[in-house]
Protein backbone atom coordinates (compact mmCIF):
# COMPACT_ATOMS: atom_id res chain seq x y z
CA GLN A 1 47.90 88.22 -28.92
CA ILE A 2 44.96 88.10 -26.50
CA LEU A 3 44.57 84.37 -27.23
CA GLN A 4 48.31 83.98 -26.62
CA ALA A 5 48.46 82.11 -29.93
CA GLU A 6 51.27 82.09 -32.47
CA PRO A 7 50.77 83.56 -36.00
CA HIS A 8 51.26 80.14 -37.61
CA PHE A 9 48.50 78.44 -35.56
CA LEU A 10 45.78 76.73 -37.60
CA ALA A 11 42.09 76.57 -36.65
CA ASP A 12 42.46 73.62 -34.23
CA SER A 13 45.34 75.31 -32.42
CA ILE A 14 43.39 78.57 -32.22
CA ARG A 15 40.45 76.78 -30.59
CA ARG A 16 42.77 75.06 -28.11
CA ALA A 17 44.27 78.45 -27.23
CA PHE A 18 40.73 79.77 -26.72
CA ASP A 19 39.82 76.88 -24.41
CA SER A 20 43.06 77.39 -22.48
CA LYS A 21 42.26 81.06 -21.89
CA LEU A 22 38.76 80.24 -20.68
CA SER A 23 40.16 77.66 -18.26
CA ARG A 24 42.29 80.38 -16.60
CA PRO A 25 39.85 83.04 -15.41
CA PRO A 26 41.12 86.47 -14.34
CA HIS A 27 41.05 87.93 -10.84
CA PRO A 28 37.70 87.11 -9.19
CA ALA A 29 37.08 90.74 -8.20
CA PHE A 30 36.17 91.73 -11.77
CA THR A 31 32.47 92.45 -12.27
CA PRO A 32 30.28 90.00 -14.24
CA ALA A 33 30.07 92.60 -17.01
CA ALA A 34 33.86 92.70 -17.36
CA LEU A 35 34.08 88.90 -17.34
CA LEU A 36 31.37 88.69 -20.01
CA ALA A 37 33.12 91.28 -22.17
CA ARG A 38 36.38 89.37 -21.82
CA ARG A 39 34.72 86.13 -22.94
CA GLN A 40 32.97 87.83 -25.85
CA ILE A 41 36.24 89.35 -27.10
CA LEU A 42 37.98 85.97 -26.79
CA GLN A 43 35.12 84.30 -28.65
CA ALA A 44 35.25 86.90 -31.41
CA ALA A 45 39.01 86.45 -31.72
CA CYS A 46 38.65 82.67 -31.90
CA ASP A 47 35.88 82.85 -34.52
CA THR A 48 37.79 85.36 -36.63
CA LEU A 49 41.09 83.49 -36.63
CA SER A 50 39.53 80.04 -37.08
CA ASP A 51 37.83 80.99 -40.36
CA PRO A 52 40.28 81.47 -43.27
CA ALA A 53 38.23 84.22 -44.95
CA SER A 54 37.68 86.32 -41.84
CA ARG A 55 41.30 85.74 -40.82
CA ALA A 56 42.46 87.14 -44.16
CA ASP A 57 40.27 90.22 -43.67
CA TYR A 58 41.69 90.61 -40.15
CA ASN A 59 45.28 90.38 -41.38
CA ARG A 60 44.64 93.06 -44.00
CA GLY A 61 43.26 95.34 -41.28
CA LEU A 62 46.34 95.05 -39.04
CA VAL A 63 47.82 98.16 -40.65
CA ALA A 64 45.28 100.33 -38.77
CA ASP A 65 46.78 102.42 -35.96
CA THR A 66 43.72 102.35 -33.72
CA LEU A 67 41.00 99.96 -32.70
CA THR A 68 37.63 101.18 -31.50
CA VAL A 69 36.22 99.29 -28.51
CA PRO A 70 32.75 100.01 -27.10
CA LEU A 71 32.92 101.47 -23.57
CA ASP A 72 31.10 98.50 -22.04
CA LYS A 73 33.76 96.19 -23.49
CA VAL A 74 36.77 98.28 -22.39
CA PRO A 75 37.30 96.60 -18.97
CA GLY A 76 37.28 93.18 -20.64
CA ALA A 77 39.67 94.36 -23.35
CA LEU A 78 42.11 95.89 -20.84
CA CYS A 79 41.90 92.71 -18.78
CA LEU A 80 43.03 90.68 -21.80
CA LEU A 81 45.81 93.16 -22.61
CA GLN A 82 47.08 92.90 -19.03
CA GLU A 83 47.10 89.11 -19.31
CA ALA A 84 49.03 89.47 -22.59
CA GLY A 85 51.80 91.43 -20.84
CA GLN A 86 50.85 94.91 -22.06
CA ALA A 87 51.05 96.46 -18.57
CA GLU A 88 52.25 99.92 -19.62
CA LEU A 89 49.55 100.21 -22.30
CA VAL A 90 46.88 99.19 -19.78
CA ILE A 91 48.07 101.81 -17.27
CA SER A 92 48.29 104.55 -19.89
CA GLU A 93 44.80 103.88 -21.27
CA GLY A 94 43.40 103.38 -17.78
CA TRP A 95 44.51 106.79 -16.49
CA GLY A 96 42.94 108.44 -19.52
CA LEU A 97 39.62 106.69 -18.91
CA LEU A 98 39.59 107.48 -15.17
CA ARG A 99 39.32 111.17 -16.06
CA GLU A 100 35.92 110.46 -17.60
CA GLN A 101 32.61 110.20 -15.79
CA LEU A 102 32.24 106.44 -15.46
CA ALA A 103 29.72 104.19 -13.81
CA LYS A 104 31.01 102.79 -10.51
CA PRO A 105 31.30 99.14 -11.73
CA VAL A 106 33.27 100.22 -14.81
CA LYS A 107 35.55 102.40 -12.68
CA GLN A 108 36.23 99.56 -10.24
CA ASP A 109 37.12 97.24 -13.11
CA LEU A 110 39.52 99.86 -14.49
CA VAL A 111 41.19 100.33 -11.11
CA LEU A 112 41.55 96.58 -10.65
CA VAL A 113 43.13 95.95 -14.05
CA MET A 114 45.52 98.90 -13.58
CA VAL A 115 46.59 97.60 -10.16
CA LEU A 116 47.23 94.17 -11.68
CA ALA A 117 49.32 95.87 -14.39
CA TYR A 118 51.36 97.69 -11.72
CA VAL A 119 51.95 94.35 -9.98
CA ASP A 120 53.19 92.95 -13.31
CA LEU A 121 55.65 95.84 -13.61
CA SER A 122 56.88 95.18 -10.07
CA ARG A 123 57.62 91.57 -10.99
CA ASP A 124 59.51 92.73 -14.08
CA ALA A 125 61.59 95.06 -11.89
CA MET A 126 62.49 92.24 -9.48
CA ALA A 127 63.40 89.94 -12.39
CA MET A 128 66.15 92.31 -13.53
CA THR A 129 69.81 91.63 -12.77
CA PRO A 130 70.35 93.03 -10.22
CA PRO A 131 66.74 93.46 -9.03
CA ASP A 132 65.42 97.02 -9.34
CA LEU A 133 64.18 97.39 -5.76
CA VAL A 134 63.46 101.10 -6.08
CA GLY A 135 61.44 100.61 -9.26
CA CYS A 136 59.51 97.74 -7.67
CA CYS A 137 58.66 99.86 -4.62
CA GLU A 138 57.55 102.79 -6.73
CA VAL A 139 55.08 100.88 -8.91
CA LEU A 140 53.61 98.98 -5.94
CA GLU A 141 53.13 102.24 -4.06
CA ARG A 142 51.33 103.68 -7.10
CA ALA A 143 49.08 100.61 -7.11
CA LEU A 144 48.33 101.04 -3.41
CA LYS A 145 47.67 104.75 -3.83
CA LEU A 146 45.31 104.02 -6.75
CA LEU A 147 43.31 101.58 -4.63
CA GLN A 148 43.06 104.08 -1.78
CA GLU A 149 42.37 107.26 -3.75
CA GLU A 150 39.77 105.75 -6.03
CA GLY A 151 37.82 104.37 -3.10
CA ALA A 152 38.56 100.79 -4.05
CA SER A 153 40.55 99.65 -0.99
CA SER A 154 37.93 96.97 -0.30
CA LEU A 155 37.75 95.92 -3.95
CA ALA A 156 40.33 93.13 -3.77
CA PRO A 157 41.45 92.63 -0.16
CA ASP A 158 43.70 89.71 -1.06
CA LEU A 159 45.50 91.79 -3.69
CA HIS A 160 45.73 94.70 -1.26
CA ALA A 161 47.29 92.42 1.38
CA GLN A 162 49.72 90.97 -1.17
CA ILE A 163 50.95 94.44 -2.10
CA ASP A 164 51.23 95.44 1.57
CA ASP A 165 53.26 92.34 2.41
CA THR A 166 55.59 92.80 -0.54
CA LEU A 167 56.19 96.45 0.31
CA GLU A 168 56.90 95.57 3.93
CA GLU A 169 59.48 93.05 2.78
CA ILE A 170 61.33 95.15 0.20
CA THR A 171 60.94 98.74 1.47
CA PRO A 172 63.91 98.54 3.91
CA HIS A 173 66.13 97.26 1.09
CA CYS A 174 64.78 99.97 -1.23
CA ILE A 175 65.66 102.63 1.37
CA LEU A 176 69.23 101.34 1.66
CA GLU A 177 69.58 101.33 -2.13
CA LEU A 178 68.41 104.95 -2.31
CA LEU A 179 70.70 106.08 0.51
CA ALA A 180 73.65 104.43 -1.24
CA LEU A 181 73.22 106.70 -4.28
CA PRO A 182 75.80 109.50 -4.78
CA LEU A 183 75.32 112.32 -2.27
CA ASP A 184 74.56 114.85 -5.00
CA GLU A 185 71.91 112.72 -6.73
CA GLU A 186 68.46 114.24 -6.30
CA LYS A 187 66.69 110.89 -5.98
CA ARG A 188 68.71 110.10 -2.84
CA GLU A 189 66.58 112.63 -0.93
CA GLU A 190 63.72 110.17 -1.31
CA GLY A 191 65.71 107.66 0.76
CA LEU A 192 66.09 110.18 3.60
CA VAL A 193 62.33 110.76 3.62
CA ARG A 194 61.58 107.05 3.51
CA VAL A 195 63.94 106.16 6.36
CA ARG A 196 62.19 108.70 8.58
CA ASN A 197 58.77 107.37 7.67
CA ILE A 198 59.57 103.73 8.35
CA LEU A 199 61.47 104.35 11.60
CA TRP A 200 58.82 106.66 12.97
CA SER A 201 55.95 104.41 11.93
CA VAL A 202 57.19 101.54 14.11
CA GLY A 203 58.04 103.80 17.07
CA GLY A 204 60.72 102.90 19.60
CA GLY A 205 62.31 99.58 20.49
CA GLY A 206 65.52 98.49 18.81
CA ALA A 207 64.33 94.87 18.51
CA THR A 208 61.03 95.81 16.84
CA ALA A 209 60.67 93.91 13.57
CA ILE A 210 60.35 96.18 10.53
CA GLY A 211 60.36 93.75 7.63
CA GLY A 212 62.86 92.47 5.14
CA GLY A 213 64.66 90.62 7.93
CA PHE A 214 65.46 93.87 9.75
CA THR A 215 64.84 95.00 13.29
CA ARG A 216 64.55 98.73 13.88
CA GLU A 217 68.09 98.80 15.27
CA GLY A 218 69.44 96.73 12.40
CA LEU A 219 67.93 99.00 9.76
CA MET A 220 69.20 102.12 11.52
CA ASN A 221 72.73 100.73 11.67
CA GLU A 222 72.66 99.84 7.98
CA ALA A 223 71.11 103.19 7.03
CA PHE A 224 73.64 105.14 9.09
CA THR A 225 76.56 103.67 7.14
CA ARG A 226 75.00 105.29 4.05
CA MET A 227 74.21 108.65 5.69
CA THR A 228 76.40 111.63 6.49
CA SER A 229 77.01 112.70 10.06
CA ALA A 230 74.83 115.79 9.54
CA GLU A 231 71.97 113.65 8.18
CA GLN A 232 72.12 111.40 11.24
CA VAL A 233 72.02 114.37 13.58
CA GLU A 234 69.11 115.89 11.65
CA LEU A 235 67.15 112.62 11.78
CA PHE A 236 67.69 112.38 15.53
CA ALA A 237 66.66 116.00 16.13
CA ALA A 238 63.51 115.66 14.01
CA THR A 239 62.29 112.45 15.67
CA PRO A 240 58.89 113.08 17.34
CA SER A 241 59.03 113.36 21.12
CA ASN A 242 56.60 110.47 21.59
CA ILE A 243 59.17 108.03 20.14
CA PRO A 244 61.70 107.14 22.86
CA ARG A 245 65.37 107.28 21.90
CA GLU A 246 67.19 103.98 22.21
CA SER A 247 70.68 103.95 23.71
CA PHE A 248 72.29 102.90 20.43
CA GLU A 249 70.65 105.87 18.68
CA VAL A 250 71.88 108.37 21.26
CA TYR A 251 75.40 106.93 21.15
CA GLY A 252 75.52 106.99 17.34
CA VAL A 253 74.37 110.60 17.21
CA ALA A 254 76.96 111.60 19.83
CA LEU A 255 79.67 110.22 17.53
CA ALA A 256 78.02 111.95 14.56
CA LEU A 257 78.18 115.29 16.37
CA ILE A 258 81.88 114.78 17.05
CA ALA A 259 82.47 113.94 13.38
CA GLN A 260 80.46 116.99 12.33
CA ALA A 261 82.51 119.17 14.66
CA PHE A 262 85.68 118.07 12.85
CA VAL A 263 84.32 118.16 9.31
CA ASP A 264 82.50 121.50 9.57
CA LYS A 265 84.85 123.07 12.15
CA LYS A 266 82.06 123.53 14.68
CA PRO A 267 83.64 122.80 18.07
CA HIS A 268 80.46 123.82 19.93
CA LEU A 269 78.91 120.55 18.72
CA ILE A 270 81.34 118.70 20.99
CA LYS A 271 79.37 120.02 23.96
CA ASP A 272 76.16 118.67 22.43
CA ALA A 273 77.82 115.27 22.01
CA ASP A 274 79.03 115.32 25.61
CA ASN A 275 75.50 116.10 26.84
CA LEU A 276 74.19 113.03 25.02
CA LEU A 277 76.94 110.89 26.53
CA LEU A 278 75.99 112.25 29.95
CA GLN A 279 72.41 111.07 29.35
CA LEU A 280 73.74 107.63 28.48
CA GLN A 281 75.87 107.55 31.61
CA GLN A 282 72.80 108.24 33.71
CA THR A 283 70.79 105.42 32.11
CA ARG A 284 73.47 102.85 31.21
CA VAL A 285 75.70 103.01 34.27
CA GLU A 286 77.25 99.62 33.54
CA ILE A 287 79.00 100.97 30.43
CA GLY A 288 80.44 104.25 31.71
CA PHE A 289 81.31 106.11 28.47
CA ALA A 290 84.34 107.59 30.24
CA LEU A 291 86.62 107.35 27.20
CA GLU A 292 84.19 109.20 24.97
CA ARG A 293 83.59 111.92 27.54
CA GLY A 294 87.33 112.25 28.06
CA MET A 295 87.74 112.88 24.36
CA CYS A 296 85.01 115.51 24.38
CA SER A 297 86.68 117.26 27.31
CA LEU A 298 90.00 117.33 25.48
CA LEU A 299 88.52 118.68 22.26
CA VAL A 300 87.00 121.68 24.02
CA GLY A 301 90.15 122.35 26.02
CA ASP A 302 89.04 120.93 29.39
CA LEU A 303 92.28 119.13 30.18
CA ASP A 304 91.44 118.52 33.84
CA GLY A 305 88.12 116.98 32.84
CA CYS A 306 89.83 114.73 30.32
CA SER A 307 92.36 113.57 32.90
CA SER A 308 89.57 112.86 35.37
CA TRP A 309 87.46 110.84 32.94
CA LEU A 310 90.39 108.66 31.93
CA GLY A 311 91.61 108.14 35.48
CA ILE A 312 95.10 109.33 34.57
CA ASP A 313 95.77 111.11 37.86
CA SER A 314 94.20 108.62 40.26
CA GLU A 315 94.86 104.92 40.61
CA ASN A 316 91.54 104.59 42.44
CA SER A 317 89.46 106.12 39.64
CA PRO A 318 86.56 103.84 38.57
CA TYR A 319 87.28 104.89 34.97
CA ARG A 320 90.95 103.91 35.00
CA ASP A 321 91.75 101.15 32.50
CA PRO A 322 95.01 99.35 33.35
CA ALA A 323 95.41 98.16 29.76
CA ILE A 324 95.34 101.75 28.49
CA ILE A 325 97.78 102.94 31.14
CA GLU A 326 100.12 100.05 30.28
CA PHE A 327 99.88 100.91 26.61
CA ILE A 328 100.75 104.54 27.32
CA ILE A 329 103.83 103.53 29.27
CA ASP A 330 105.01 100.97 26.70
CA ASN A 331 104.64 103.14 23.58
CA SER A 332 106.61 106.12 22.47
CA LEU A 333 105.09 109.56 22.11
CA PRO A 334 105.14 109.89 18.26
CA GLY A 335 102.73 106.98 17.89
CA PHE A 336 99.92 108.90 19.59
CA CYS A 337 99.57 111.36 16.74
CA MET A 338 99.32 108.60 14.14
CA LEU A 339 96.65 106.85 16.19
CA LEU A 340 94.64 110.03 16.67
CA GLU A 341 94.74 110.83 12.97
CA THR A 342 93.65 107.27 12.23
CA TRP A 343 90.65 107.77 14.49
CA LEU A 344 89.81 110.98 12.64
CA ILE A 345 88.88 108.90 9.56
CA PHE A 346 85.42 108.38 11.12
CA PRO A 347 84.49 105.34 8.97
CA ARG A 348 80.98 105.23 10.47
CA PHE A 349 79.78 108.19 8.40
CA ARG A 350 79.27 108.53 4.65
CA ASP A 351 80.86 111.97 4.36
CA THR A 352 84.02 111.04 6.27
CA GLN A 353 84.76 107.49 5.10
CA ASP A 354 87.47 108.52 2.63
CA MET A 355 88.77 111.61 4.43
CA HIS A 356 92.24 111.61 5.94
CA PHE A 357 92.56 114.24 8.62
CA LYS A 358 95.60 115.82 10.18
CA LEU A 359 95.46 117.37 13.61
CA ARG A 360 96.16 120.75 12.09
CA ASP A 361 92.99 120.41 9.94
CA TYR A 362 91.10 121.02 13.15
CA TYR A 363 93.38 123.14 15.32
CA ASP A 364 94.60 125.34 12.47
CA ASP A 365 91.06 126.55 11.72
CA PRO A 366 90.37 130.15 12.86
CA ILE A 367 86.87 129.26 14.09
CA VAL A 368 88.22 126.45 16.27
CA LEU A 369 91.05 128.65 17.50
CA LYS A 370 88.68 131.45 18.46
CA TYR A 371 86.42 128.99 20.27
CA LEU A 372 89.32 127.58 22.28
CA GLU A 373 90.46 131.10 23.13
CA ARG A 374 87.01 131.91 24.49
CA MET A 375 87.24 128.74 26.56
CA ASP A 376 90.60 130.03 27.89
CA SER A 377 92.16 126.74 26.85
CA PRO A 378 95.90 126.03 26.58
CA LEU A 379 94.98 124.22 23.36
CA ALA A 380 94.44 127.63 21.78
CA ALA A 381 98.11 128.43 22.31
CA ALA A 382 99.11 125.12 20.76
CA ALA A 383 96.86 125.78 17.79
CA ALA A 384 98.36 129.25 17.40
CA ILE A 385 101.85 127.77 17.24
CA VAL A 386 100.72 125.51 14.41
CA LYS A 387 99.01 128.41 12.65
CA ILE A 388 102.11 130.63 12.51
CA GLY A 389 104.21 127.74 11.27
CA THR A 390 106.67 127.25 14.12
CA ALA A 391 105.85 123.55 14.17
CA LYS A 392 104.89 122.78 10.61
CA SER A 393 105.94 119.16 10.73
CA HIS A 394 103.12 118.15 12.99
CA ALA A 395 100.42 119.55 15.24
CA LEU A 396 101.49 117.23 18.02
CA GLN A 397 104.91 118.88 18.07
CA ALA A 398 103.12 122.14 18.80
CA LEU A 399 101.24 120.52 21.64
CA GLN A 400 104.53 119.29 23.09
CA LYS A 401 105.80 122.85 23.29
CA VAL A 402 102.79 123.94 25.32
CA PHE A 403 101.91 121.01 27.58
CA ARG A 404 103.85 119.01 30.07
CA LEU A 405 104.56 115.41 29.12
CA SER A 406 101.77 114.04 31.30
CA VAL A 407 99.20 116.02 29.33
CA ILE A 408 100.58 114.69 26.05
CA ILE A 409 100.43 111.16 27.41
CA MET A 410 96.89 111.84 28.51
CA CYS A 411 96.05 112.83 24.93
CA GLY A 412 97.42 109.52 23.73
CA SER A 413 95.30 107.59 26.20
CA VAL A 414 92.17 109.17 24.79
CA VAL A 415 93.17 107.97 21.36
CA VAL A 416 93.85 104.42 22.47
CA GLY A 417 90.48 104.11 24.14
CA LEU A 418 88.56 105.60 21.25
CA LEU A 419 90.25 103.43 18.68
CA THR A 420 88.36 100.49 20.10
CA LEU A 421 85.22 102.16 18.73
CA VAL A 422 86.42 101.88 15.14
CA GLY A 423 87.98 98.45 15.22
CA LEU A 424 91.65 99.16 15.98
CA LYS A 425 92.90 97.04 18.84
CA PHE A 426 95.96 97.29 21.01
CA LEU A 427 97.71 94.23 22.41
CA PRO A 428 95.40 92.59 24.98
CA PRO A 429 96.62 91.89 28.52
CA LYS A 430 97.95 88.46 29.41
CA MET A 431 95.22 85.89 29.89
CA ASP A 432 94.87 84.35 33.35
CA ALA A 433 92.08 82.96 35.55
CA LYS A 434 91.14 86.40 36.86
CA LEU A 435 90.79 87.90 33.39
CA ALA A 436 88.94 84.81 32.14
CA GLU A 437 86.43 85.07 34.99
CA ALA A 438 85.88 88.78 34.30
CA LEU A 439 85.26 88.05 30.61
CA VAL A 440 82.82 85.21 31.36
CA ARG A 441 80.92 87.38 33.85
CA LYS A 442 80.75 90.19 31.30
CA TRP A 443 79.42 87.73 28.71
CA GLN A 444 76.74 86.45 31.07
CA ASN A 445 75.66 90.01 31.86
CA ILE A 446 75.48 91.03 28.19
CA LYS A 447 73.69 87.78 27.31
CA SER A 448 71.04 88.42 29.96
CA GLN A 449 70.39 91.85 28.42
CA ALA A 450 70.21 90.44 24.89
CA LEU A 451 67.74 87.72 25.92
CA GLY A 452 65.84 89.86 28.43
CA PRO A 453 62.69 91.97 27.96
CA GLU A 454 64.62 94.89 26.41
CA HIS A 455 66.41 92.65 23.84
CA TYR A 456 69.50 94.88 23.94
CA LEU A 457 71.87 93.43 21.32
CA ALA A 458 74.27 96.33 20.81
CA GLN A 459 76.79 95.08 23.40
CA LEU A 460 77.27 91.59 21.95
CA PRO A 461 80.30 92.67 19.83
CA GLU A 462 82.00 93.93 23.01
CA VAL A 463 82.51 90.40 24.30
CA LEU A 464 81.92 88.09 21.30
CA ASP A 465 83.64 87.72 17.95
CA GLY A 466 83.64 85.45 14.92
CA ARG A 467 81.24 82.53 14.81
CA MET A 468 80.10 83.05 18.41
CA LEU A 469 79.00 86.61 17.63
CA LYS A 470 77.01 85.53 14.55
CA ILE A 471 75.28 82.66 16.36
CA TRP A 472 74.18 84.78 19.32
CA THR A 473 73.20 87.79 17.22
CA ASP A 474 70.94 85.56 15.10
CA ARG A 475 69.61 83.71 18.14
CA ALA A 476 68.83 86.84 20.16
CA GLY A 477 67.29 88.53 17.12
CA GLU A 478 65.00 85.56 16.49
CA ILE A 479 63.92 85.50 20.15
CA ALA A 480 63.14 89.22 19.96
CA GLN A 481 61.08 88.80 16.78
CA GLN A 482 59.06 86.03 18.42
CA GLY A 483 58.32 88.31 21.37
CA TRP A 484 59.98 85.94 23.84
CA PHE A 485 62.43 86.78 26.60
CA TRP A 486 64.40 84.93 29.25
CA GLU A 487 65.37 86.29 32.65
CA TYR A 488 67.94 84.66 34.88
CA THR A 489 70.38 85.58 37.63
CA LEU A 490 74.06 84.66 37.62
CA LEU A 491 74.91 83.08 40.97
CA GLY A 492 78.53 82.16 40.44
CA VAL A 493 81.41 81.62 38.00
CA SER A 494 84.29 79.24 38.69
CA ILE A 495 87.24 78.95 36.30
CA ASP A 496 88.30 75.29 36.14
CA SER A 497 91.25 75.69 33.77
CA VAL A 498 92.90 78.15 31.37
CA THR A 499 95.00 76.78 28.50
CA ILE A 500 96.93 79.40 26.51
CA SER A 501 98.34 78.85 23.01
CA SER A 502 102.09 79.01 22.45
CA ASP A 503 101.89 82.46 20.86
CA GLY A 504 99.74 83.78 23.71
CA ARG A 505 97.00 84.95 21.34
CA ARG A 506 94.35 82.29 22.04
CA ALA A 507 93.04 80.62 25.15
CA MET A 508 90.72 77.71 25.99
CA VAL A 509 88.82 78.30 29.22
CA GLU A 510 86.84 75.64 31.08
CA VAL A 511 84.30 77.15 33.44
CA THR A 512 81.48 76.11 35.77
CA ILE A 513 78.49 78.47 35.86
CA GLU A 514 75.70 78.59 38.43
CA GLU A 515 72.53 80.50 37.64
CA ALA A 516 68.88 80.79 38.64
CA ALA A 517 65.80 81.53 36.52
CA SER A 518 62.37 82.53 37.81
CA GLU A 519 60.64 79.62 36.05
CA HIS A 520 63.21 76.97 36.99
CA ASN A 521 65.29 75.75 39.87
CA ASP A 522 68.91 76.76 40.25
CA SER A 523 71.13 75.09 37.66
CA THR A 524 74.85 74.46 37.45
CA TYR A 525 76.64 73.53 34.25
CA SER A 526 80.16 73.35 32.85
CA THR A 527 81.22 74.62 29.44
CA LYS A 528 84.25 75.62 27.39
CA TYR A 529 85.00 78.96 25.78
CA GLU A 530 87.61 79.62 23.13
CA MET A 531 88.96 83.17 23.38
CA SER A 532 91.01 85.29 21.00
CA GLY A 533 91.89 88.97 21.28
CA TRP A 534 90.14 88.40 24.60
CA LYS A 535 86.75 88.04 23.13
CA ILE A 536 84.84 84.77 23.11
CA THR A 537 84.91 83.20 19.64
CA GLU A 538 83.53 79.70 20.35
CA GLY A 539 81.40 78.22 23.12
CA ALA A 540 77.88 78.04 24.53
């Protein structure tokens, strides 16, 4: 086995196998004593198997359960066993020997051969179908820990670096695999610990490269789809104060708090969510977050606040969205309840992906009702009507009995706005030159943030879709990983033509753009954008 020869090999083949083994030396970090022992064992094996008489004696002795190896030959013997694919045997014997009082050179040889055996096991794990990422991570981490704890971190720096690089590449994928385990599986807890460790080790900065093709923001977004709302809130709360919160983190946790409020019937969490949205408003003034804050106001019974945030009562409100107002006017009242209950699916969170809520699931709860009563909210009266069964068919019918029509319409407008957060879209307004210019300007603004020093990519889906979104997400991500950035100022946008498809769902816009960059002179160029659902799907 150590010669990697077949049982039927004759003397010439045995000697060729011996020469082949000698031509492939082991890892250069082994001590001369280990290398000598390895050669001596190979020589003894070759001599024994090449001579018919000694080979016959050897074959008769194969029934023995154990083989005694002198201590000075053990590193060489384990080295040959590792080369023969006996990784688990090497590790088992190695741990037993490490408990003994060994000379430093012997101990270093043992550590080295055990680390090589762990690396072999990691390769076996990755060769499985599908690859066992968790198993691979675990054995490589044991190898790294062995090198560090046994004082051998400088023993094989190339091997150490190889293990580090491999762990950096696969650890994010390992974390996602652990988080995807069933919620009640004990091993999943390891994924929650690992995601904290990796996110906190790289600090802040959504575009910071983590490994495995992930930025910090990208890994968080993937991890969050596998975490419950409570787990996301807990991660956010436990993050050390020296790690700045990115806007996308704050926004995600605000939504998680709202989901938690519904799932666990804890309406006080809505206030916490609203406070986070207020922080975002103060730092990201170009976005507004009026729809989200309007929803929070409604859920805690602040009807005036909700109306104000959505611009229902004032045509001059900066938060008023004509498309939402038009939708409210054009659609009948019963549709609002269906839309709200669709939003209550909360697909962003692991614990709510498959839940189907009814309004009464929230308002019929005694804790929620008591909270609304303390807030002196008319919603408490509506919830009470539902509770006693006078409007069993639907919670919205109860709301109709309490509120004037304008309040009910206001409730619907909250729903319409929030549905854009989970992918449901209402009919876009008619495309014209004014709308096309607004969309192009928005794209240029978002592009400048994605390519700028902050590398803020989260807004790209707001204005791009399809192939255009993929191209610019990849491009901006690559620029961020390279540490580059590009700053420019938009000087002007001129719409040259707008061609709308016969069904009114697509448009081709020709535009001339003038911009200035600090490193270059002013530049003017013309381009075409293909738009659908009033996002840009093709163009430059």
